[in-house]
């Protein structure tokens, strides 16, 4: 049985989008490596801002385009 690694993403403030996206991508590839992922998968950036405290959460989620 193939054991896929689990890694948590750091939510440290001040890191560049390029660095965070690269971290998300490497974590995704560690669990989902295939020719299909190589050819048709990318990352979608989402930004959520709390209207009460102003905290900003930036995430990069894998998306597939056919």
C-alpha atoms as a PDB file:
ATOM      1  CA  UNK A   1       0.000   0.000   0.000  1.00  0.00           C
ATOM      2  CA  UNK A   2       1.283   3.462  -0.928  1.00  0.00           C
ATOM      3  CA  UNK A   3       1.427   5.836   2.036  1.00  0.00           C
ATOM      4  CA  UNK A   4       0.902   9.454   1.042  1.00  0.00           C
ATOM      5  CA  UNK A   5       2.614  12.048   3.253  1.00  0.00           C
ATOM      6  CA  UNK A   6       0.610  14.706   5.074  1.00  0.00           C
ATOM      7  CA  UNK A   7       2.168  18.126   5.558  1.00  0.00           C
ATOM      8  CA  UNK A   8       0.760  21.291   7.068  1.00  0.00           C
ATOM      9  CA  UNK A   9       1.138  24.650   5.380  1.00  0.00           C
ATOM     10  CA  UNK A  10       2.645  27.474   7.407  1.00  0.00           C
ATOM     11  CA  UNK A  11       0.409  30.532   7.778  1.00  0.00           C
ATOM     12  CA  UNK A  12       3.296  32.822   8.685  1.00  0.00           C
ATOM     13  CA  UNK A  13       2.619  36.384   7.564  1.00  0.00           C
ATOM     14  CA  UNK A  14       4.813  38.286   5.159  1.00  0.00           C
ATOM     15  CA  UNK A  15       5.784  35.414   2.853  1.00  0.00           C
ATOM     16  CA  UNK A  16       5.545  36.066  -0.874  1.00  0.00           C
ATOM     17  CA  UNK A  17       2.777  34.484  -2.943  1.00  0.00           C
ATOM     18  CA  UNK A  18       5.410  32.751  -5.070  1.00  0.00           C
ATOM     19  CA  UNK A  19       6.919  31.039  -2.028  1.00  0.00           C
ATOM     20  CA  UNK A  20       3.553  29.990  -0.587  1.00  0.00           C
ATOM     21  CA  UNK A  21       2.302  28.728  -3.979  1.00  0.00           C
ATOM     22  CA  UNK A  22       5.488  26.684  -4.474  1.00  0.00           C
ATOM     23  CA  UNK A  23       4.989  25.122  -1.027  1.00  0.00           C
ATOM     24  CA  UNK A  24       1.359  24.230  -1.821  1.00  0.00           C
ATOM     25  CA  UNK A  25       2.389  22.788  -5.199  1.00  0.00           C
ATOM     26  CA  UNK A  26       5.155  20.619  -3.733  1.00  0.00           C
ATOM     27  CA  UNK A  27       2.770  19.300  -1.083  1.00  0.00           C
ATOM     28  CA  UNK A  28       0.170  18.520  -3.757  1.00  0.00           C
ATOM     29  CA  UNK A  29       2.704  16.702  -5.927  1.00  0.00           C
ATOM     30  CA  UNK A  30       3.906  14.630  -2.959  1.00  0.00           C
ATOM     31  CA  UNK A  31       0.406  13.133  -2.739  1.00  0.00           C
ATOM     32  CA  UNK A  32      -0.806  13.308  -6.347  1.00  0.00           C
ATOM     33  CA  UNK A  33       1.898  12.663  -8.909  1.00  0.00           C
ATOM     34  CA  UNK A  34       0.751  11.650 -12.408  1.00  0.00           C
ATOM     35  CA  UNK A  35       0.970  12.687 -16.040  1.00  0.00           C
ATOM     36  CA  UNK A  36      -2.572  14.031 -15.695  1.00  0.00           C
ATOM     37  CA  UNK A  37      -1.491  16.344 -12.845  1.00  0.00           C
ATOM     38  CA  UNK A  38       1.563  17.422 -14.846  1.00  0.00           C
ATOM     39  CA  UNK A  39      -0.519  18.357 -17.899  1.00  0.00           C
ATOM     40  CA  UNK A  40      -3.854  19.608 -16.575  1.00  0.00           C
ATOM     41  CA  UNK A  41      -3.570  20.743 -12.958  1.00  0.00           C
ATOM     42  CA  UNK A  42      -2.716  24.164 -11.620  1.00  0.00           C
ATOM     43  CA  UNK A  43      -3.322  26.255  -8.521  1.00  0.00           C
ATOM     44  CA  UNK A  44      -6.194  28.629  -7.842  1.00  0.00           C
ATOM     45  CA  UNK A  45      -5.477  31.439  -5.383  1.00  0.00           C
ATOM     46  CA  UNK A  46      -8.218  32.474  -2.980  1.00  0.00           C
ATOM     47  CA  UNK A  47      -8.021  35.370  -0.543  1.00  0.00           C
ATOM     48  CA  UNK A  48     -10.436  35.728   2.360  1.00  0.00           C
ATOM     49  CA  UNK A  49     -10.488  38.770   4.644  1.00  0.00           C
ATOM     50  CA  UNK A  50     -12.279  38.796   8.003  1.00  0.00           C
ATOM     51  CA  UNK A  51     -14.585  41.824   8.117  1.00  0.00           C
ATOM     52  CA  UNK A  52     -14.357  41.980  11.908  1.00  0.00           C
ATOM     53  CA  UNK A  53     -10.624  41.771  12.593  1.00  0.00           C
ATOM     54  CA  UNK A  54      -9.083  42.279   9.132  1.00  0.00           C
ATOM     55  CA  UNK A  55      -7.135  38.968   9.199  1.00  0.00           C
ATOM     56  CA  UNK A  56      -6.295  37.820   5.675  1.00  0.00           C
ATOM     57  CA  UNK A  57      -6.120  34.153   4.708  1.00  0.00           C
ATOM     58  CA  UNK A  58      -4.507  33.243   1.397  1.00  0.00           C
ATOM     59  CA  UNK A  59      -4.796  29.678   0.100  1.00  0.00           C
ATOM     60  CA  UNK A  60      -3.774  27.940  -3.097  1.00  0.00           C
ATOM     61  CA  UNK A  61      -6.015  25.041  -4.106  1.00  0.00           C
ATOM     62  CA  UNK A  62      -5.356  22.559  -6.912  1.00  0.00           C
ATOM     63  CA  UNK A  63      -7.722  22.780  -9.887  1.00  0.00           C
ATOM     64  CA  UNK A  64      -7.950  20.652 -12.976  1.00  0.00           C
ATOM     65  CA  UNK A  65      -8.732  21.960 -16.436  1.00  0.00           C
ATOM     66  CA  UNK A  66      -9.912  19.625 -19.173  1.00  0.00           C
END
